PDB file of N, CA and C in Angstrom:
ATOM      1  N   MET A   1       0.838  -1.170  -0.035  1.00  0.00           N
ATOM      2  CA  MET A   1       0.027  -0.003   0.039  1.00  0.00           C
ATOM      3  C   MET A   1       0.885   1.227  -0.009  1.00  0.00           C
ATOM      4  N   LYS A   2       0.428   2.242  -0.692  1.00  0.00           N
ATOM      5  CA  LYS A   2       1.244   3.468  -0.798  1.00  0.00           C
ATOM      6  C   LYS A   2       0.911   4.392   0.338  1.00  0.00           C
ATOM      7  N   ILE A   3       1.938   4.928   1.012  1.00  0.00           N
ATOM      8  CA  ILE A   3       1.726   5.795   2.115  1.00  0.00           C
ATOM      9  C   ILE A   3       2.476   7.120   1.847  1.00  0.00           C
ATOM     10  N   LEU A   4       1.712   8.244   1.889  1.00  0.00           N
ATOM     11  CA  LEU A   4       2.247   9.566   1.740  1.00  0.00           C
ATOM     12  C   LEU A   4       2.455  10.154   3.188  1.00  0.00           C
ATOM     13  N   VAL A   5       3.570  10.823   3.309  1.00  0.00           N
ATOM     14  CA  VAL A   5       3.915  11.360   4.654  1.00  0.00           C
ATOM     15  C   VAL A   5       4.110  12.918   4.492  1.00  0.00           C
ATOM     16  N   PHE A   6       3.471  13.654   5.399  1.00  0.00           N
ATOM     17  CA  PHE A   6       3.483  15.123   5.289  1.00  0.00           C
ATOM     18  C   PHE A   6       4.070  15.747   6.559  1.00  0.00           C
ATOM     19  N   GLY A   7       4.528  16.976   6.398  1.00  0.00           N
ATOM     20  CA  GLY A   7       4.972  17.836   7.545  1.00  0.00           C
ATOM     21  C   GLY A   7       6.069  17.192   8.331  1.00  0.00           C
ATOM     22  N   GLN A   8       6.056  17.484   9.628  1.00  0.00           N
ATOM     23  CA  GLN A   8       7.134  17.054  10.593  1.00  0.00           C
ATOM     24  C   GLN A   8       7.251  15.508  10.574  1.00  0.00           C
ATOM     25  N   LEU A   9       6.189  14.763  10.180  1.00  0.00           N
ATOM     26  CA  LEU A   9       6.288  13.340  10.182  1.00  0.00           C
ATOM     27  C   LEU A   9       7.329  12.851   9.180  1.00  0.00           C
ATOM     28  N   THR A  10       7.651  13.634   8.166  1.00  0.00           N
ATOM     29  CA  THR A  10       8.672  13.223   7.244  1.00  0.00           C
ATOM     30  C   THR A  10      10.100  13.151   7.906  1.00  0.00           C
ATOM     31  N   ASP A  11      10.251  13.982   8.966  1.00  0.00           N
ATOM     32  CA  ASP A  11      11.543  13.873   9.682  1.00  0.00           C
ATOM     33  C   ASP A  11      11.639  12.617  10.453  1.00  0.00           C
ATOM     34  N   ILE A  12      10.562  12.071  10.905  1.00  0.00           N
ATOM     35  CA  ILE A  12      10.608  10.777  11.658  1.00  0.00           C
ATOM     36  C   ILE A  12      10.674   9.638  10.678  1.00  0.00           C
ATOM     37  N   ILE A  13       9.839   9.611   9.593  1.00  0.00           N
ATOM     38  CA  ILE A  13       9.770   8.485   8.687  1.00  0.00           C
ATOM     39  C   ILE A  13      11.025   8.566   7.768  1.00  0.00           C
ATOM     40  N   GLY A  14      11.464   9.741   7.451  1.00  0.00           N
ATOM     41  CA  GLY A  14      12.693   9.896   6.568  1.00  0.00           C
ATOM     42  C   GLY A  14      12.422   9.957   5.123  1.00  0.00           C
ATOM     43  N   GLN A  15      11.140  10.032   4.715  1.00  0.00           N
ATOM     44  CA  GLN A  15      10.810  10.169   3.297  1.00  0.00           C
ATOM     45  C   GLN A  15       9.320  10.648   3.185  1.00  0.00           C
ATOM     46  N   HIS A  16       8.981  11.181   1.986  1.00  0.00           N
ATOM     47  CA  HIS A  16       7.694  11.715   1.759  1.00  0.00           C
ATOM     48  C   HIS A  16       6.684  10.667   1.287  1.00  0.00           C
ATOM     49  N   GLU A  17       7.167   9.565   0.727  1.00  0.00           N
ATOM     50  CA  GLU A  17       6.319   8.531   0.179  1.00  0.00           C
ATOM     51  C   GLU A  17       7.006   7.183   0.210  1.00  0.00           C
ATOM     52  N   TYR A  18       6.295   6.183   0.577  1.00  0.00           N
ATOM     53  CA  TYR A  18       6.863   4.840   0.516  1.00  0.00           C
ATOM     54  C   TYR A  18       5.772   3.791   0.366  1.00  0.00           C
ATOM     55  N   VAL A  19       6.125   2.595   0.049  1.00  0.00           N
ATOM     56  CA  VAL A  19       5.195   1.519  -0.150  1.00  0.00           C
ATOM     57  C   VAL A  19       5.443   0.534   0.992  1.00  0.00           C
ATOM     58  N   MET A  20       4.352   0.106   1.650  1.00  0.00           N
ATOM     59  CA  MET A  20       4.456  -0.814   2.754  1.00  0.00           C
ATOM     60  C   MET A  20       3.558  -2.042   2.352  1.00  0.00           C
ATOM     61  N   GLU A  21       4.040  -3.213   2.750  1.00  0.00           N
ATOM     62  CA  GLU A  21       3.221  -4.401   2.528  1.00  0.00           C
ATOM     63  C   GLU A  21       2.057  -4.392   3.447  1.00  0.00           C
ATOM     64  N   SER A  22       0.905  -4.640   2.890  1.00  0.00           N
ATOM     65  CA  SER A  22      -0.328  -4.679   3.692  1.00  0.00           C
ATOM     66  C   SER A  22      -0.650  -6.090   4.049  1.00  0.00           C
ATOM     67  N   ILE A  23      -1.463  -6.243   5.123  1.00  0.00           N
ATOM     68  CA  ILE A  23      -1.910  -7.525   5.510  1.00  0.00           C
ATOM     69  C   ILE A  23      -3.413  -7.613   5.347  1.00  0.00           C
ATOM     70  N   ASP A  24      -3.908  -8.806   5.189  1.00  0.00           N
ATOM     71  CA  ASP A  24      -5.374  -8.944   4.958  1.00  0.00           C
ATOM     72  C   ASP A  24      -6.123  -8.413   6.126  1.00  0.00           C
ATOM     73  N   GLU A  25      -7.299  -7.819   5.841  1.00  0.00           N
ATOM     74  CA  GLU A  25      -8.179  -7.304   6.897  1.00  0.00           C
ATOM     75  C   GLU A  25      -7.490  -6.267   7.759  1.00  0.00           C
ATOM     76  N   MET A  26      -6.674  -5.463   7.178  1.00  0.00           N
ATOM     77  CA  MET A  26      -5.963  -4.446   7.987  1.00  0.00           C
ATOM     78  C   MET A  26      -6.903  -3.267   8.353  1.00  0.00           C
ATOM     79  N   LYS A  27      -6.795  -2.794   9.531  1.00  0.00           N
ATOM     80  CA  LYS A  27      -7.471  -1.573   9.964  1.00  0.00           C
ATOM     81  C   LYS A  27      -6.516  -0.494  10.274  1.00  0.00           C
ATOM     82  N   VAL A  28      -7.028   0.707  10.407  1.00  0.00           N
ATOM     83  CA  VAL A  28      -6.165   1.873  10.666  1.00  0.00           C
ATOM     84  C   VAL A  28      -5.425   1.614  11.955  1.00  0.00           C
ATOM     85  N   SER A  29      -6.064   1.025  12.938  1.00  0.00           N
ATOM     86  CA  SER A  29      -5.400   0.768  14.258  1.00  0.00           C
ATOM     87  C   SER A  29      -4.211  -0.126  14.089  1.00  0.00           C
ATOM     88  N   SER A  30      -4.361  -1.164  13.195  1.00  0.00           N
ATOM     89  CA  SER A  30      -3.199  -2.077  12.848  1.00  0.00           C
ATOM     90  C   SER A  30      -2.039  -1.356  12.170  1.00  0.00           C
ATOM     91  N   LEU A  31      -2.451  -0.472  11.280  1.00  0.00           N
ATOM     92  CA  LEU A  31      -1.408   0.402  10.586  1.00  0.00           C
ATOM     93  C   LEU A  31      -0.694   1.239  11.548  1.00  0.00           C
ATOM     94  N   ARG A  32      -1.414   1.906  12.504  1.00  0.00           N
ATOM     95  CA  ARG A  32      -0.778   2.737  13.529  1.00  0.00           C
ATOM     96  C   ARG A  32       0.245   1.925  14.318  1.00  0.00           C
ATOM     97  N   GLN A  33      -0.130   0.712  14.741  1.00  0.00           N
ATOM     98  CA  GLN A  33       0.754  -0.149  15.493  1.00  0.00           C
ATOM     99  C   GLN A  33       1.992  -0.523  14.679  1.00  0.00           C
ATOM    100  N   GLN A  34       1.744  -0.883  13.426  1.00  0.00           N
ATOM    101  CA  GLN A  34       2.870  -1.267  12.569  1.00  0.00           C
ATOM    102  C   GLN A  34       3.859  -0.092  12.373  1.00  0.00           C
ATOM    103  N   LEU A  35       3.256   1.115  12.176  1.00  0.00           N
ATOM    104  CA  LEU A  35       4.133   2.309  12.024  1.00  0.00           C
ATOM    105  C   LEU A  35       4.917   2.557  13.330  1.00  0.00           C
ATOM    106  N   LEU A  36       4.294   2.382  14.497  1.00  0.00           N
ATOM    107  CA  LEU A  36       4.961   2.617  15.727  1.00  0.00           C
ATOM    108  C   LEU A  36       6.067   1.577  15.919  1.00  0.00           C
ATOM    109  N   ASN A  37       5.787   0.391  15.524  1.00  0.00           N
ATOM    110  CA  ASN A  37       6.880  -0.682  15.600  1.00  0.00           C
ATOM    111  C   ASN A  37       8.087  -0.327  14.724  1.00  0.00           C
ATOM    112  N   ASN A  38       7.806   0.235  13.533  1.00  0.00           N
ATOM    113  CA  ASN A  38       8.885   0.581  12.569  1.00  0.00           C
ATOM    114  C   ASN A  38       9.525   1.893  12.901  1.00  0.00           C
ATOM    115  N   TYR A  39       8.788   2.818  13.522  1.00  0.00           N
ATOM    116  CA  TYR A  39       9.265   4.156  13.775  1.00  0.00           C
ATOM    117  C   TYR A  39       8.899   4.586  15.230  1.00  0.00           C
ATOM    118  N   PRO A  40       9.628   4.065  16.248  1.00  0.00           N
ATOM    119  CA  PRO A  40       9.316   4.314  17.636  1.00  0.00           C
ATOM    120  C   PRO A  40       9.211   5.830  17.981  1.00  0.00           C
ATOM    121  N   ALA A  41       9.830   6.658  17.190  1.00  0.00           N
ATOM    122  CA  ALA A  41       9.780   8.073  17.495  1.00  0.00           C
ATOM    123  C   ALA A  41       8.378   8.638  17.268  1.00  0.00           C
ATOM    124  N   LEU A  42       7.469   7.884  16.682  1.00  0.00           N
ATOM    125  CA  LEU A  42       6.070   8.293  16.563  1.00  0.00           C
ATOM    126  C   LEU A  42       5.289   8.289  17.875  1.00  0.00           C
ATOM    127  N   LEU A  43       5.846   7.593  18.838  1.00  0.00           N
ATOM    128  CA  LEU A  43       5.178   7.414  20.155  1.00  0.00           C
ATOM    129  C   LEU A  43       4.920   8.814  20.689  1.00  0.00           C
ATOM    130  N   GLY A  44       3.658   9.093  21.043  1.00  0.00           N
ATOM    131  CA  GLY A  44       3.294  10.356  21.616  1.00  0.00           C
ATOM    132  C   GLY A  44       3.027  11.466  20.648  1.00  0.00           C
ATOM    133  N   LYS A  45       3.340  11.183  19.356  1.00  0.00           N
ATOM    134  CA  LYS A  45       3.094  12.196  18.287  1.00  0.00           C
ATOM    135  C   LYS A  45       1.605  12.106  17.880  1.00  0.00           C
ATOM    136  N   LYS A  46       1.017  13.279  17.721  1.00  0.00           N
ATOM    137  CA  LYS A  46      -0.371  13.271  17.187  1.00  0.00           C
ATOM    138  C   LYS A  46      -0.363  13.461  15.693  1.00  0.00           C
ATOM    139  N   TYR A  47      -1.162  12.558  15.003  1.00  0.00           N
ATOM    140  CA  TYR A  47      -1.291  12.654  13.570  1.00  0.00           C
ATOM    141  C   TYR A  47      -2.622  11.974  13.147  1.00  0.00           C
ATOM    142  N   LEU A  48      -3.031  12.428  11.997  1.00  0.00           N
ATOM    143  CA  LEU A  48      -4.302  11.805  11.532  1.00  0.00           C
ATOM    144  C   LEU A  48      -3.860  10.895  10.307  1.00  0.00           C
ATOM    145  N   ILE A  49      -4.716   9.941  10.076  1.00  0.00           N
ATOM    146  CA  ILE A  49      -4.537   9.037   8.920  1.00  0.00           C
ATOM    147  C   ILE A  49      -5.713   9.194   7.995  1.00  0.00           C
ATOM    148  N   ALA A  50      -5.417   9.486   6.723  1.00  0.00           N
ATOM    149  CA  ALA A  50      -6.427   9.605   5.682  1.00  0.00           C
ATOM    150  C   ALA A  50      -6.347   8.374   4.784  1.00  0.00           C
ATOM    151  N   VAL A  51      -7.469   7.820   4.447  1.00  0.00           N
ATOM    152  CA  VAL A  51      -7.551   6.677   3.520  1.00  0.00           C
ATOM    153  C   VAL A  51      -8.260   7.155   2.281  1.00  0.00           C
ATOM    154  N   ASN A  52      -7.625   7.126   1.173  1.00  0.00           N
ATOM    155  CA  ASN A  52      -8.250   7.625  -0.088  1.00  0.00           C
ATOM    156  C   ASN A  52      -8.813   9.022   0.060  1.00  0.00           C
ATOM    157  N   LYS A  53      -8.017   9.920   0.643  1.00  0.00           N
ATOM    158  CA  LYS A  53      -8.278  11.304   0.828  1.00  0.00           C
ATOM    159  C   LYS A  53      -9.412  11.642   1.712  1.00  0.00           C
ATOM    160  N   LYS A  54      -9.825  10.666   2.613  1.00  0.00           N
ATOM    161  CA  LYS A  54     -10.840  10.920   3.607  1.00  0.00           C
ATOM    162  C   LYS A  54     -10.270  10.542   4.975  1.00  0.00           C
ATOM    163  N   MET A  55     -10.512  11.366   6.020  1.00  0.00           N
ATOM    164  CA  MET A  55      -9.976  11.086   7.304  1.00  0.00           C
ATOM    165  C   MET A  55     -10.646   9.778   7.786  1.00  0.00           C
ATOM    166  N   ALA A  56      -9.825   8.970   8.481  1.00  0.00           N
ATOM    167  CA  ALA A  56     -10.275   7.643   8.865  1.00  0.00           C
ATOM    168  C   ALA A  56     -10.099   7.443  10.328  1.00  0.00           C
ATOM    169  N   ASP A  57     -11.018   6.766  11.010  1.00  0.00           N
ATOM    170  CA  ASP A  57     -10.863   6.471  12.421  1.00  0.00           C
ATOM    171  C   ASP A  57     -10.169   5.113  12.501  1.00  0.00           C
ATOM    172  N   ASP A  58      -9.788   4.753  13.790  1.00  0.00           N
ATOM    173  CA  ASP A  58      -9.016   3.492  13.950  1.00  0.00           C
ATOM    174  C   ASP A  58      -9.714   2.235  13.487  1.00  0.00           C
ATOM    175  N   ASN A  59     -11.032   2.249  13.346  1.00  0.00           N
ATOM    176  CA  ASN A  59     -11.738   1.028  12.929  1.00  0.00           C
ATOM    177  C   ASN A  59     -11.921   0.924  11.419  1.00  0.00           C
ATOM    178  N   ALA A  60     -11.510   1.952  10.703  1.00  0.00           N
ATOM    179  CA  ALA A  60     -11.633   1.911   9.241  1.00  0.00           C
ATOM    180  C   ALA A  60     -10.793   0.826   8.602  1.00  0.00           C
ATOM    181  N   LYS A  61     -11.296   0.101   7.653  1.00  0.00           N
ATOM    182  CA  LYS A  61     -10.611  -0.944   6.939  1.00  0.00           C
ATOM    183  C   LYS A  61      -9.722  -0.335   5.868  1.00  0.00           C
ATOM    184  N   ILE A  62      -8.595  -0.970   5.567  1.00  0.00           N
ATOM    185  CA  ILE A  62      -7.662  -0.565   4.543  1.00  0.00           C
ATOM    186  C   ILE A  62      -7.431  -1.706   3.624  1.00  0.00           C
ATOM    187  N   GLU A  63      -7.558  -1.367   2.350  1.00  0.00           N
ATOM    188  CA  GLU A  63      -7.297  -2.406   1.309  1.00  0.00           C
ATOM    189  C   GLU A  63      -5.949  -2.105   0.704  1.00  0.00           C
ATOM    190  N   ALA A  64      -5.325  -3.111   0.092  1.00  0.00           N
ATOM    191  CA  ALA A  64      -3.956  -3.021  -0.437  1.00  0.00           C
ATOM    192  C   ALA A  64      -3.797  -1.951  -1.491  1.00  0.00           C
ATOM    193  N   THR A  65      -4.879  -1.583  -2.183  1.00  0.00           N
ATOM    194  CA  THR A  65      -4.804  -0.591  -3.237  1.00  0.00           C
ATOM    195  C   THR A  65      -5.090   0.835  -2.737  1.00  0.00           C
ATOM    196  N   ASP A  66      -5.440   0.958  -1.480  1.00  0.00           N
ATOM    197  CA  ASP A  66      -5.737   2.264  -0.955  1.00  0.00           C
ATOM    198  C   ASP A  66      -4.585   3.173  -0.887  1.00  0.00           C
ATOM    199  N   GLU A  67      -4.809   4.465  -0.998  1.00  0.00           N
ATOM    200  CA  GLU A  67      -3.760   5.450  -0.748  1.00  0.00           C
ATOM    201  C   GLU A  67      -3.917   5.985   0.695  1.00  0.00           C
ATOM    202  N   ILE A  68      -2.850   5.934   1.432  1.00  0.00           N
ATOM    203  CA  ILE A  68      -2.828   6.347   2.808  1.00  0.00           C
ATOM    204  C   ILE A  68      -1.965   7.585   2.955  1.00  0.00           C
ATOM    205  N   ALA A  69      -2.490   8.545   3.743  1.00  0.00           N
ATOM    206  CA  ALA A  69      -1.673   9.689   4.075  1.00  0.00           C
ATOM    207  C   ALA A  69      -1.594   9.853   5.590  1.00  0.00           C
ATOM    208  N   LEU A  70      -0.369  10.216   6.016  1.00  0.00           N
ATOM    209  CA  LEU A  70      -0.090  10.529   7.449  1.00  0.00           C
ATOM    210  C   LEU A  70      -0.050  12.023   7.539  1.00  0.00           C
ATOM    211  N   LEU A  71      -0.934  12.647   8.287  1.00  0.00           N
ATOM    212  CA  LEU A  71      -1.076  14.110   8.346  1.00  0.00           C
ATOM    213  C   LEU A  71      -0.780  14.632   9.720  1.00  0.00           C
ATOM    214  N   PRO A  72       0.144  15.531   9.917  1.00  0.00           N
ATOM    215  CA  PRO A  72       0.397  16.131  11.218  1.00  0.00           C
ATOM    216  C   PRO A  72      -0.747  17.069  11.588  1.00  0.00           C
ATOM    217  N   PRO A  73      -0.763  17.378  12.842  1.00  0.00           N
ATOM    218  CA  PRO A  73      -1.802  18.368  13.295  1.00  0.00           C
ATOM    219  C   PRO A  73      -1.737  19.649  12.445  1.00  0.00           C
ATOM    220  N   PHE A  74      -2.902  20.202  12.159  1.00  0.00           N
ATOM    221  CA  PHE A  74      -2.902  21.420  11.397  1.00  0.00           C
ATOM    222  C   PHE A  74      -4.009  22.299  12.004  1.00  0.00           C
ATOM    223  N   SER A  75      -3.855  23.613  11.775  1.00  0.00           N
ATOM    224  CA  SER A  75      -4.864  24.589  12.263  1.00  0.00           C
ATOM    225  C   SER A  75      -5.212  25.492  11.099  1.00  0.00           C
ATOM    226  N   GLY A  76      -6.459  26.026  11.239  1.00  0.00           N
ATOM    227  CA  GLY A  76      -6.972  26.936  10.229  1.00  0.00           C
ATOM    228  C   GLY A  76      -6.824  28.397  10.692  1.00  0.00           C
ATOM    229  N   GLY A  77      -7.046  29.327   9.877  1.00  0.00           N
ATOM    230  CA  GLY A  77      -6.918  30.652  10.281  1.00  0.00           C
ATOM    231  C   GLY A  77      -7.451  31.683   9.363  1.00  0.00           C
TER     232      GLY A  77
END
């Protein structure tokens, strides 16, 4: 699955885009855990996960062909 990384999260992940192998019946919560296992510096960081350009909660399912984005906190003004 393709993962896009934005903002300060690129400093932790080390790149703006990468491909990660997905597992069957993956949920956003599983992805968060896998990211934390691979990048322990994410512990305590707040970020949102978008699936196919829509904000997703931890129970949302992810398919292998979905586009995932890691979004740092943002504010409007």
